Amino acid sequence: MTVDAHKREETELKTPLFSAASWRRLYVQEPLWIGLCVAVIFGATLAVEPFPTSDRAFFEYVGLAMSHGQRLYLDVWDTKLPSIFLVNEAYQVLFGQHYFFHIVAQAAVNALSVLLFAVVLRQSRIQAWAPAAFAFSIVISLKCYFNTCEQYALPCTLLAYVLAFKRSHIASGIALAFATTFWIPAFLLAIPLLLRSADAGARLRLASSFGLTLCAYAAVMWAAFGGGTVTELTRSWFVYAHYSRVELETGLRARLGVISLIYGSSIISGVAMLCALLILVLRKPRNPDESFALWWVGCALAAAAATGQFFPHYFLAAVPALIFAVATYGFQWGIVRARMIVAFVAAVLLWKCALGAILGIKEATNDTANAQIAAERIERALGPGAVIYSQAYAPEMYLASAASLPNRFAIDEPVPNLKPFITSHHELAVRQPAVILSRVAANERPPIPDGTRACGHSFGGWQIYVSTLLISRFSCGS
C-alpha cells in the first residue's frame, strides 16, 4: 500500500460513520437516484394487498393475540424466535388493525436497508453506488418480502457490514446476532466478514460479541418462557430440519419438484435475474473486494438453502450480495459481448420477474377478498372470538374474523414427526370449533364432528361447516 493510499484509509477510518459530510454527500451528490429509491420503496405500498394473507397474516394474528394478553408458544405456537412476533405486536399496539400503516412501517424498514446498503457501497468505493442502491430498492420492494423474518434481519445484517467496514467489530457482532434472532441462517453471513479481516483480534471480537449477544437473548427467553418451552422449541427445529431433508430425498419426482420450486422462487424474488447478471460480469477475482463479494454471495445463497424449504423470501439476503458483486466487478463490454446468450437470459428473467410480480398482486388480492367474505360472514353470525378451524393454512381467516384457536397448533400445525416431541401434544383437541373451513377448490371434506353440517353454498371460495345448533345464524340454505 502506498503512503497516499494509507493516509486516505486512515482518514476514512477517522471520519464518523454518519457525519454531516457523509449525509451531505449521500443526499446531494445523487438526488435523482435517491428520489427514485424513495418513490419505489413507498410507492410499493400501493401494490401490497391492504389486508395481510399467508405468513404475513399469521405474524399479524400472533401479534394481535399477544397485544390482547395471550402468550407466545403457550397459547399460539410457531417454531420461530420471538423477535418477529414482538415487531408485529408493536404494529398492533401502535396502529391497531389499520393494516395500511403496518405496510408503510414495513416500507420504512426497506428504506433503512437501502440506506445501509448505499453506505456499504460507498465504503467499498463503488462508483455506481447510486444505481446499485436503486436496483436494490426495486427488488426489495417486491411483495414477497414484506413482513417476513428476512426483511427485519436484513437491516441488522447490513448494519453489521457497515460497522465491520469501519472496524467496529464488537458492534458488528451484536448487530449480526440481532439479525440471527429474526432469521437463524443469518449467522452464515458472519463468514465473509471473518474472512475479510486479516486481524485475528478483530475476528475474535466479532465472533465473541456475536456469541455473547445470542447467549443473552437465550437467557432472556429462558426467563420469559421457561426452560421447558425453550427446550420444546429447540427440539422442533431439529425435527423440522429432518422432515425437510426427508422431503428432499424422497424420489426423483420430489427432487424435480424441489428444483422447480427453487427456479420459481428465485424468479419471483428476482434472484435468478441477478445471478445471470453476475455470470455476465464474472471473472477471476483480482483484489480482496472481489473475493469478498463472491464469499458474500455464496454464504447468502447457502443461508437461503439452509432449511431445505425454498420460499421466495428466503432469497432476500442474497439480493444485496448479488448486486454488490455485480457492482464490484462492473460491466466490461468485451466480456459482455462474449456472453450475449447470458445477457439474453438475464433479460428474459427480468421480464418473468416483472410479470410474476404483477400476477402475484392480482392473486393475492383475490385471496384477500375471498378470505374477508367468509370471515365477515363468520364474525357477523357468531361475533368475535368464535372458535374456528381451517383445514387449509389460512391465517387470514382467523385474523379477519377475530377468531379464537381450538388449540395452540391450529394455524401452523407441526409436521407429523414433530408431534411426539411436543410435550403437550394432547392439546391438539382442546376446544371444539364452532366452525370448520375447507377450500372449495380442494374438493376434500375435512373430518367433521357429529352434529355438524355444511352450508348449502360457499362463501368467497370457502366451504363453511357449522354446528347444527348454529346453522340458522348463517342463512346457509339447504
Protein backbone atom coordinates (compact mmCIF):
# COMPACT_ATOMS: atom_id res chain seq x y z
CA MET A 1 0.00 0.00 0.00
CA THR A 2 1.36 3.43 -0.95
CA VAL A 3 1.76 6.26 1.53
CA ASP A 4 -1.11 8.21 -0.06
CA ALA A 5 -3.42 5.20 -0.01
CA HIS A 6 -2.54 4.54 3.62
CA LYS A 7 -3.31 8.16 4.55
CA ARG A 8 -6.59 8.01 2.66
CA GLU A 9 -7.61 4.84 4.54
CA GLU A 10 -6.68 6.35 7.90
CA THR A 11 -8.71 9.48 7.09
CA GLU A 12 -11.73 7.35 6.20
CA LEU A 13 -11.49 5.35 9.41
CA LYS A 14 -11.33 8.52 11.49
CA THR A 15 -14.37 10.03 9.76
CA PRO A 16 -17.58 9.45 11.77
CA LEU A 17 -19.88 6.97 10.07
CA PHE A 18 -22.86 9.34 9.94
CA SER A 19 -21.09 12.72 9.98
CA ALA A 20 -22.71 15.78 8.43
CA ALA A 21 -20.33 15.48 5.49
CA SER A 22 -21.34 11.86 4.94
CA TRP A 23 -25.03 12.73 4.94
CA ARG A 24 -24.42 15.67 2.61
CA ARG A 25 -22.54 13.50 0.10
CA LEU A 26 -25.17 10.77 0.31
CA TYR A 27 -28.17 13.01 -0.31
CA VAL A 28 -26.80 15.78 -2.53
CA GLN A 29 -24.45 14.01 -4.88
CA GLU A 30 -27.12 11.83 -6.50
CA PRO A 31 -30.52 13.45 -5.77
CA LEU A 32 -32.21 11.83 -8.74
CA TRP A 33 -31.33 8.29 -7.69
CA ILE A 34 -32.27 8.99 -4.07
CA GLY A 35 -35.64 10.34 -5.18
CA LEU A 36 -36.25 7.28 -7.32
CA CYS A 37 -35.40 4.99 -4.40
CA VAL A 38 -37.88 6.75 -2.12
CA ALA A 39 -40.58 6.71 -4.81
CA VAL A 40 -40.12 2.99 -5.46
CA ILE A 41 -39.97 1.97 -1.79
CA PHE A 42 -43.07 3.83 -0.65
CA GLY A 43 -44.89 3.50 -3.97
CA ALA A 44 -44.67 -0.26 -3.50
CA THR A 45 -47.05 0.03 -0.55
CA LEU A 46 -49.86 0.59 -3.06
CA ALA A 47 -49.10 -2.77 -4.71
CA VAL A 48 -49.28 -4.77 -1.48
CA GLU A 49 -52.75 -6.04 -0.63
CA PRO A 50 -54.19 -3.88 2.17
CA PHE A 51 -55.13 -6.91 4.27
CA PRO A 52 -52.38 -9.45 5.01
CA THR A 53 -52.53 -13.06 3.85
CA SER A 54 -50.48 -16.22 4.43
CA ASP A 55 -47.42 -15.77 6.67
CA ARG A 56 -47.96 -12.02 6.89
CA ALA A 57 -51.40 -12.69 8.35
CA PHE A 58 -50.02 -15.32 10.72
CA PHE A 59 -47.46 -12.92 12.19
CA GLU A 60 -50.12 -10.23 12.48
CA TYR A 61 -52.55 -12.64 14.17
CA VAL A 62 -49.94 -13.68 16.74
CA GLY A 63 -49.02 -10.03 17.33
CA LEU A 64 -52.71 -9.21 17.82
CA ALA A 65 -53.13 -12.13 20.23
CA MET A 66 -50.06 -11.05 22.21
CA SER A 67 -51.34 -7.48 22.41
CA HIS A 68 -54.52 -8.91 23.98
CA GLY A 69 -52.60 -10.83 26.61
CA GLN A 70 -52.12 -14.26 25.03
CA ARG A 71 -48.74 -15.94 25.45
CA LEU A 72 -46.42 -16.87 22.63
CA TYR A 73 -45.72 -20.65 22.42
CA LEU A 74 -48.17 -21.38 25.25
CA ASP A 75 -51.37 -20.05 23.63
CA VAL A 76 -50.24 -19.91 19.99
CA TRP A 77 -47.37 -21.94 18.60
CA ASP A 78 -44.69 -21.40 15.98
CA THR A 79 -41.09 -22.55 15.51
CA LYS A 80 -39.70 -19.03 15.08
CA LEU A 81 -37.93 -16.95 17.70
CA PRO A 82 -39.92 -14.16 19.40
CA SER A 83 -38.40 -11.20 17.51
CA ILE A 84 -40.75 -11.27 14.50
CA PHE A 85 -43.79 -11.56 16.77
CA LEU A 86 -42.66 -8.70 19.01
CA VAL A 87 -42.43 -6.47 15.92
CA ASN A 88 -45.98 -7.39 14.90
CA GLU A 89 -47.22 -6.86 18.43
CA ALA A 90 -45.72 -3.36 18.23
CA TYR A 91 -47.62 -2.78 14.96
CA GLN A 92 -50.87 -3.76 16.66
CA VAL A 93 -50.22 -1.54 19.66
CA LEU A 94 -49.18 1.47 17.56
CA PHE A 95 -51.55 1.22 14.60
CA GLY A 96 -54.28 -1.18 15.66
CA GLN A 97 -55.83 -3.08 12.77
CA HIS A 98 -55.21 -0.30 10.24
CA TYR A 99 -53.00 -2.54 8.14
CA PHE A 100 -52.01 0.06 5.56
CA PHE A 101 -49.97 1.77 8.28
CA HIS A 102 -48.32 -1.57 9.03
CA ILE A 103 -47.31 -1.77 5.36
CA VAL A 104 -45.90 1.77 5.46
CA ALA A 105 -43.86 0.85 8.54
CA GLN A 106 -42.53 -2.19 6.68
CA ALA A 107 -41.63 0.05 3.74
CA ALA A 108 -39.69 2.22 6.18
CA VAL A 109 -37.71 -0.89 7.18
CA ASN A 110 -36.91 -1.38 3.49
CA ALA A 111 -35.81 2.25 3.25
CA LEU A 112 -33.42 1.68 6.15
CA SER A 113 -31.99 -1.37 4.40
CA VAL A 114 -31.45 0.60 1.18
CA LEU A 115 -29.74 3.40 3.11
CA LEU A 116 -27.38 0.98 4.86
CA PHE A 117 -26.66 -0.80 1.59
CA ALA A 118 -25.78 2.55 -0.02
CA VAL A 119 -23.33 3.17 2.84
CA VAL A 120 -21.74 -0.27 2.27
CA LEU A 121 -21.35 0.51 -1.44
CA ARG A 122 -19.77 3.90 -0.71
CA GLN A 123 -17.44 2.40 1.87
CA SER A 124 -16.27 0.00 -0.84
CA ARG A 125 -15.67 2.98 -3.18
CA ILE A 126 -18.06 1.63 -5.80
CA GLN A 127 -18.66 4.48 -8.24
CA ALA A 128 -22.06 3.19 -9.35
CA TRP A 129 -23.35 3.07 -5.78
CA ALA A 130 -26.48 5.11 -6.53
CA PRO A 131 -27.76 2.98 -9.45
CA ALA A 132 -26.93 -0.14 -7.42
CA ALA A 133 -28.93 1.19 -4.46
CA PHE A 134 -31.81 1.98 -6.82
CA ALA A 135 -31.75 -1.57 -8.22
CA PHE A 136 -31.79 -2.87 -4.66
CA SER A 137 -34.80 -0.68 -3.81
CA ILE A 138 -36.72 -2.18 -6.74
CA VAL A 139 -36.06 -5.83 -5.85
CA ILE A 140 -36.54 -5.39 -2.10
CA SER A 141 -39.95 -3.78 -2.73
CA LEU A 142 -41.40 -6.97 -4.22
CA LYS A 143 -44.48 -8.07 -2.29
CA CYS A 144 -42.98 -11.43 -1.28
CA TYR A 145 -40.54 -9.66 1.06
CA PHE A 146 -42.99 -7.67 3.19
CA ASN A 147 -43.34 -8.58 6.88
CA THR A 148 -41.04 -11.59 6.77
CA CYS A 149 -38.31 -12.63 9.17
CA GLU A 150 -35.77 -12.00 6.43
CA GLN A 151 -36.99 -8.41 5.92
CA TYR A 152 -36.23 -7.49 9.53
CA ALA A 153 -32.96 -9.42 9.59
CA LEU A 154 -31.65 -7.56 6.54
CA PRO A 155 -31.07 -4.07 8.03
CA CYS A 156 -29.37 -5.70 11.02
CA THR A 157 -27.09 -7.65 8.67
CA LEU A 158 -26.26 -4.60 6.56
CA LEU A 159 -25.58 -2.57 9.71
CA ALA A 160 -23.17 -5.32 10.79
CA TYR A 161 -21.36 -4.99 7.46
CA VAL A 162 -21.22 -1.18 7.74
CA LEU A 163 -19.76 -1.42 11.25
CA ALA A 164 -17.27 -4.14 10.26
CA PHE A 165 -16.02 -1.96 7.38
CA LYS A 166 -15.45 0.76 10.00
CA ARG A 167 -13.61 -1.77 12.19
CA SER A 168 -16.26 -1.61 14.92
CA HIS A 169 -16.18 -5.37 15.22
CA ILE A 170 -17.88 -5.70 18.61
CA ALA A 171 -20.87 -3.66 17.48
CA SER A 172 -20.87 -5.58 14.18
CA GLY A 173 -21.15 -8.89 16.02
CA ILE A 174 -24.03 -7.58 18.12
CA ALA A 175 -25.92 -6.39 15.02
CA LEU A 176 -25.42 -9.72 13.28
CA ALA A 177 -26.69 -11.54 16.38
CA PHE A 178 -29.90 -9.49 16.26
CA ALA A 179 -30.27 -10.44 12.60
CA THR A 180 -29.99 -14.09 13.64
CA THR A 181 -32.81 -13.70 16.17
CA PHE A 182 -35.11 -12.86 13.24
CA TRP A 183 -33.68 -15.35 10.73
CA ILE A 184 -31.44 -18.07 12.14
CA PRO A 185 -29.47 -18.81 8.91
CA ALA A 186 -28.19 -15.20 9.05
CA PHE A 187 -25.31 -16.46 11.19
CA LEU A 188 -23.70 -17.72 7.96
CA LEU A 189 -23.27 -14.11 6.86
CA ALA A 190 -20.59 -13.68 9.52
CA ILE A 191 -18.23 -15.83 7.42
CA PRO A 192 -17.45 -13.16 4.76
CA LEU A 193 -16.68 -10.62 7.50
CA LEU A 194 -14.40 -13.05 9.31
CA LEU A 195 -12.55 -13.88 6.11
CA ARG A 196 -12.26 -10.23 5.11
CA SER A 197 -10.33 -9.22 8.21
CA ALA A 198 -6.66 -10.18 8.44
CA ASP A 199 -6.57 -9.23 12.13
CA ALA A 200 -7.09 -12.25 14.38
CA GLY A 201 -8.06 -9.98 17.25
CA ALA A 202 -10.77 -8.35 15.15
CA ARG A 203 -12.17 -11.73 14.18
CA LEU A 204 -12.22 -12.78 17.82
CA ARG A 205 -14.03 -9.60 18.89
CA LEU A 206 -16.68 -10.05 16.21
CA ALA A 207 -17.23 -13.74 16.96
CA SER A 208 -17.29 -13.30 20.73
CA SER A 209 -19.71 -10.36 20.69
CA PHE A 210 -21.94 -12.32 18.32
CA GLY A 211 -21.94 -15.38 20.59
CA LEU A 212 -22.40 -13.45 23.83
CA THR A 213 -25.35 -11.49 22.40
CA LEU A 214 -27.10 -14.71 21.38
CA CYS A 215 -26.43 -16.17 24.84
CA ALA A 216 -28.00 -13.09 26.43
CA TYR A 217 -31.02 -13.43 24.10
CA ALA A 218 -31.36 -17.11 25.05
CA ALA A 219 -31.19 -16.22 28.75
CA VAL A 220 -33.99 -13.66 28.35
CA MET A 221 -36.08 -16.25 26.50
CA TRP A 222 -35.45 -18.80 29.25
CA ALA A 223 -36.60 -16.30 31.89
CA ALA A 224 -39.65 -15.18 29.88
CA PHE A 225 -40.97 -18.53 28.62
CA GLY A 226 -39.41 -21.12 30.89
CA GLY A 227 -36.88 -23.85 30.23
CA GLY A 228 -39.48 -26.37 29.08
CA THR A 229 -40.77 -24.13 26.31
CA VAL A 230 -37.27 -23.23 25.12
CA THR A 231 -36.30 -26.92 25.04
CA GLU A 232 -39.50 -27.77 23.16
CA LEU A 233 -38.80 -25.02 20.64
CA THR A 234 -35.21 -26.12 20.11
CA ARG A 235 -36.22 -29.74 19.55
CA SER A 236 -38.77 -28.65 16.96
CA TRP A 237 -36.01 -27.08 14.84
CA PHE A 238 -34.11 -30.35 14.50
CA VAL A 239 -37.24 -32.32 13.70
CA TYR A 240 -38.32 -29.73 11.15
CA ALA A 241 -34.87 -29.86 9.54
CA HIS A 242 -35.05 -33.67 9.41
CA TYR A 243 -38.51 -33.52 7.86
CA SER A 244 -37.29 -31.10 5.19
CA ARG A 245 -34.30 -33.34 4.39
CA VAL A 246 -36.56 -36.38 4.04
CA GLU A 247 -38.74 -34.45 1.60
CA LEU A 248 -35.66 -33.62 -0.48
CA GLU A 249 -34.51 -37.24 -0.57
CA THR A 250 -37.86 -38.86 -1.40
CA GLY A 251 -37.71 -39.97 -5.03
CA LEU A 252 -36.95 -38.32 -8.34
CA ARG A 253 -40.34 -36.67 -8.51
CA ALA A 254 -39.76 -34.93 -5.20
CA ARG A 255 -36.31 -33.79 -6.31
CA LEU A 256 -37.72 -32.39 -9.55
CA GLY A 257 -40.38 -30.64 -7.51
CA VAL A 258 -37.70 -29.03 -5.33
CA ILE A 259 -35.79 -27.90 -8.43
CA SER A 260 -38.99 -26.41 -9.82
CA LEU A 261 -39.63 -24.65 -6.50
CA ILE A 262 -36.12 -23.17 -6.44
CA TYR A 263 -36.49 -22.00 -10.03
CA GLY A 264 -39.90 -20.43 -9.45
CA SER A 265 -38.95 -18.84 -6.14
CA SER A 266 -35.73 -17.37 -7.48
CA ILE A 267 -37.62 -15.80 -10.39
CA ILE A 268 -40.34 -14.41 -8.11
CA SER A 269 -37.68 -12.91 -5.84
CA GLY A 270 -35.56 -11.53 -8.70
CA VAL A 271 -32.54 -13.59 -7.64
CA ALA A 272 -32.36 -15.63 -10.86
CA MET A 273 -32.01 -12.44 -12.88
CA LEU A 274 -29.31 -11.11 -10.55
CA CYS A 275 -27.41 -14.41 -10.78
CA ALA A 276 -27.48 -14.13 -14.57
CA LEU A 277 -26.09 -10.59 -14.34
CA LEU A 278 -23.29 -11.80 -12.06
CA ILE A 279 -22.38 -14.54 -14.54
CA LEU A 280 -22.37 -11.84 -17.22
CA VAL A 281 -19.65 -9.82 -15.46
CA LEU A 282 -17.81 -12.54 -13.56
CA ARG A 283 -14.07 -13.05 -13.94
CA LYS A 284 -11.22 -14.25 -11.76
CA PRO A 285 -11.04 -12.06 -8.61
CA ARG A 286 -8.26 -9.50 -8.89
CA ASN A 287 -8.45 -7.91 -5.44
CA PRO A 288 -9.81 -8.62 -1.93
CA ASP A 289 -13.06 -6.72 -2.59
CA GLU A 290 -13.97 -9.00 -5.49
CA SER A 291 -13.17 -12.10 -3.42
CA PHE A 292 -15.25 -10.74 -0.53
CA ALA A 293 -18.18 -10.16 -2.89
CA LEU A 294 -18.16 -13.79 -4.00
CA TRP A 295 -17.96 -15.03 -0.41
CA TRP A 296 -20.94 -12.84 0.46
CA VAL A 297 -22.96 -14.24 -2.44
CA GLY A 298 -22.04 -17.84 -1.60
CA CYS A 299 -22.90 -17.52 2.09
CA ALA A 300 -26.18 -15.72 1.34
CA LEU A 301 -27.28 -18.44 -1.07
CA ALA A 302 -26.21 -21.11 1.44
CA ALA A 303 -28.32 -19.37 4.09
CA ALA A 304 -31.31 -19.39 1.72
CA ALA A 305 -30.88 -23.14 1.19
CA ALA A 306 -30.14 -23.99 4.83
CA THR A 307 -33.64 -25.14 5.77
CA GLY A 308 -34.31 -27.07 2.57
CA GLN A 309 -37.52 -25.09 2.05
CA PHE A 310 -37.02 -22.71 -0.88
CA PHE A 311 -39.60 -19.98 -0.49
CA PRO A 312 -39.12 -16.64 -2.29
CA HIS A 313 -38.43 -14.60 0.84
CA TYR A 314 -35.58 -16.95 1.83
CA PHE A 315 -33.58 -15.42 -1.04
CA LEU A 316 -33.75 -11.86 0.31
CA ALA A 317 -30.29 -11.98 1.91
CA ALA A 318 -28.81 -12.84 -1.49
CA VAL A 319 -30.21 -9.71 -3.17
CA PRO A 320 -27.76 -7.13 -1.74
CA ALA A 321 -24.91 -9.63 -2.04
CA LEU A 322 -25.55 -10.20 -5.74
CA ILE A 323 -25.99 -6.51 -6.52
CA PHE A 324 -22.82 -5.72 -4.58
CA ALA A 325 -20.92 -8.36 -6.53
CA VAL A 326 -22.19 -7.10 -9.90
CA ALA A 327 -21.32 -3.51 -8.98
CA THR A 328 -17.89 -4.55 -7.69
CA TYR A 329 -16.93 -6.39 -10.87
CA GLY A 330 -18.58 -3.85 -13.15
CA PHE A 331 -19.66 -4.25 -16.75
CA GLN A 332 -16.79 -4.66 -19.18
CA TRP A 333 -18.22 -4.61 -22.67
CA GLY A 334 -15.62 -7.00 -24.00
CA ILE A 335 -16.78 -9.67 -21.55
CA VAL A 336 -20.45 -8.81 -22.09
CA ARG A 337 -20.15 -9.15 -25.88
CA ALA A 338 -18.64 -12.60 -25.41
CA ARG A 339 -21.63 -13.64 -23.26
CA MET A 340 -24.59 -12.32 -25.20
CA ILE A 341 -26.56 -15.50 -24.53
CA VAL A 342 -26.27 -14.84 -20.79
CA ALA A 343 -27.39 -11.25 -21.39
CA PHE A 344 -30.45 -12.55 -23.25
CA VAL A 345 -31.23 -14.97 -20.39
CA ALA A 346 -30.94 -12.09 -17.89
CA ALA A 347 -33.39 -10.03 -19.95
CA VAL A 348 -35.89 -12.93 -20.10
CA LEU A 349 -35.61 -13.49 -16.35
CA LEU A 350 -36.16 -9.78 -15.73
CA TRP A 351 -39.35 -9.94 -17.79
CA LYS A 352 -40.55 -13.07 -15.93
CA CYS A 353 -39.82 -11.43 -12.56
CA ALA A 354 -41.85 -8.34 -13.52
CA LEU A 355 -44.70 -10.50 -14.87
CA GLY A 356 -44.67 -12.67 -11.73
CA ALA A 357 -44.86 -9.58 -9.53
CA ILE A 358 -47.91 -8.29 -11.42
CA LEU A 359 -49.71 -11.65 -11.37
CA GLY A 360 -48.82 -12.11 -7.70
CA ILE A 361 -50.55 -8.84 -6.84
CA LYS A 362 -53.74 -9.97 -8.61
CA GLU A 363 -53.71 -13.43 -6.99
CA ALA A 364 -53.11 -12.03 -3.52
CA THR A 365 -55.91 -9.50 -3.99
CA ASN A 366 -58.33 -12.32 -4.85
CA ASP A 367 -57.20 -14.38 -1.83
CA THR A 368 -57.71 -11.37 0.42
CA ALA A 369 -61.20 -10.70 -0.92
CA ASN A 370 -62.24 -14.36 -0.56
CA ALA A 371 -60.94 -14.60 2.99
CA GLN A 372 -62.68 -11.42 4.05
CA ILE A 373 -66.03 -12.52 2.55
CA ALA A 374 -66.04 -15.77 4.52
CA ALA A 375 -64.55 -14.25 7.66
CA GLU A 376 -67.04 -11.41 7.78
CA ARG A 377 -69.89 -13.92 7.48
CA ILE A 378 -68.49 -15.89 10.42
CA GLU A 379 -67.98 -12.82 12.59
CA ARG A 380 -71.43 -11.46 11.75
CA ALA A 381 -73.06 -14.76 12.69
CA LEU A 382 -71.06 -15.69 15.78
CA GLY A 383 -69.34 -12.48 16.86
CA PRO A 384 -65.62 -12.02 17.57
CA GLY A 385 -63.80 -14.75 19.47
CA ALA A 386 -65.61 -17.69 17.86
CA VAL A 387 -63.55 -20.88 17.82
CA ILE A 388 -62.86 -21.89 14.21
CA TYR A 389 -60.60 -24.39 12.50
CA SER A 390 -59.35 -24.15 8.92
CA GLN A 391 -58.41 -27.28 7.03
CA ALA A 392 -56.00 -25.27 4.86
CA TYR A 393 -53.26 -22.93 6.02
CA ALA A 394 -55.23 -19.67 6.05
CA PRO A 395 -54.26 -17.43 8.97
CA GLU A 396 -56.02 -14.52 7.26
CA MET A 397 -59.31 -16.24 8.16
CA TYR A 398 -58.51 -16.12 11.86
CA LEU A 399 -57.28 -12.53 11.59
CA ALA A 400 -60.26 -11.22 9.58
CA SER A 401 -62.88 -12.91 11.77
CA ALA A 402 -61.13 -12.13 15.08
CA ALA A 403 -61.48 -15.83 15.83
CA SER A 404 -60.05 -17.96 18.61
CA LEU A 405 -57.96 -21.07 18.09
CA PRO A 406 -59.14 -24.55 19.10
CA ASN A 407 -55.55 -25.25 20.18
CA ARG A 408 -52.20 -23.54 20.00
CA PHE A 409 -51.17 -25.51 16.90
CA ALA A 410 -54.33 -24.79 14.88
CA ILE A 411 -52.86 -22.29 12.41
CA ASP A 412 -49.37 -23.67 11.94
CA GLU A 413 -49.61 -27.33 12.85
CA PRO A 414 -46.28 -29.10 13.30
CA VAL A 415 -45.19 -31.75 10.83
CA PRO A 416 -46.34 -35.28 11.76
CA ASN A 417 -42.93 -36.35 13.02
CA LEU A 418 -42.81 -33.34 15.31
CA LYS A 419 -45.84 -34.17 17.44
CA PRO A 420 -44.10 -36.78 19.63
CA PHE A 421 -41.56 -34.13 20.57
CA ILE A 422 -44.20 -31.65 21.69
CA THR A 423 -44.55 -32.20 25.41
CA SER A 424 -48.20 -31.13 25.42
CA HIS A 425 -49.36 -32.62 22.12
CA HIS A 426 -52.61 -33.69 23.77
CA GLU A 427 -53.64 -30.05 23.32
CA LEU A 428 -54.41 -30.81 19.68
CA ALA A 429 -58.09 -31.16 20.65
CA VAL A 430 -58.57 -28.68 23.47
CA ARG A 431 -61.71 -26.85 22.29
CA GLN A 432 -64.36 -27.99 19.83
CA PRO A 433 -64.51 -25.50 16.93
CA ALA A 434 -67.90 -23.97 16.15
CA VAL A 435 -66.89 -23.54 12.51
CA ILE A 436 -64.69 -25.70 10.26
CA LEU A 437 -63.45 -24.27 6.96
CA SER A 438 -62.37 -26.03 3.78
CA ARG A 439 -61.31 -24.62 0.42
CA VAL A 440 -63.92 -25.44 -2.22
CA ALA A 441 -61.19 -25.98 -4.82
CA ALA A 442 -59.64 -28.72 -2.70
CA ASN A 443 -62.71 -30.99 -3.20
CA GLU A 444 -61.93 -32.59 0.12
CA ARG A 445 -64.24 -32.93 3.07
CA PRO A 446 -62.36 -32.43 6.34
CA PRO A 447 -63.11 -34.64 9.35
CA ILE A 448 -66.45 -33.28 10.54
CA PRO A 449 -67.67 -33.97 14.10
CA ASP A 450 -71.16 -35.29 14.71
CA GLY A 451 -73.78 -32.57 14.78
CA THR A 452 -72.04 -30.50 12.11
CA ARG A 453 -73.13 -29.94 8.53
CA ALA A 454 -72.07 -27.83 5.57
CA CYS A 455 -73.75 -24.67 4.44
CA GLY A 456 -75.62 -25.04 1.18
CA HIS A 457 -73.23 -22.80 -0.73
CA SER A 458 -69.71 -21.45 -0.36
CA PHE A 459 -68.59 -18.02 0.72
CA GLY A 460 -65.64 -16.47 -1.10
CA GLY A 461 -64.28 -19.81 -2.25
CA TRP A 462 -64.62 -21.37 1.21
CA GLN A 463 -66.99 -24.10 2.34
CA ILE A 464 -68.19 -23.49 5.88
CA TYR A 465 -69.16 -26.41 8.13
CA VAL A 466 -71.20 -25.29 11.12
CA SER A 467 -72.73 -26.88 14.18
CA THR A 468 -76.40 -27.68 13.56
CA LEU A 469 -77.21 -25.59 16.64
CA LEU A 470 -75.72 -22.53 14.91
CA ILE A 471 -76.64 -23.19 11.28
CA SER A 472 -79.60 -20.81 11.31
CA ARG A 473 -77.32 -17.84 12.02
CA PHE A 474 -75.56 -18.27 8.66
CA SER A 475 -78.63 -18.35 6.40
CA CYS A 476 -76.87 -21.22 4.64
CA GLY A 477 -79.86 -22.65 2.88
CA SER A 478 -80.49 -26.32 2.39
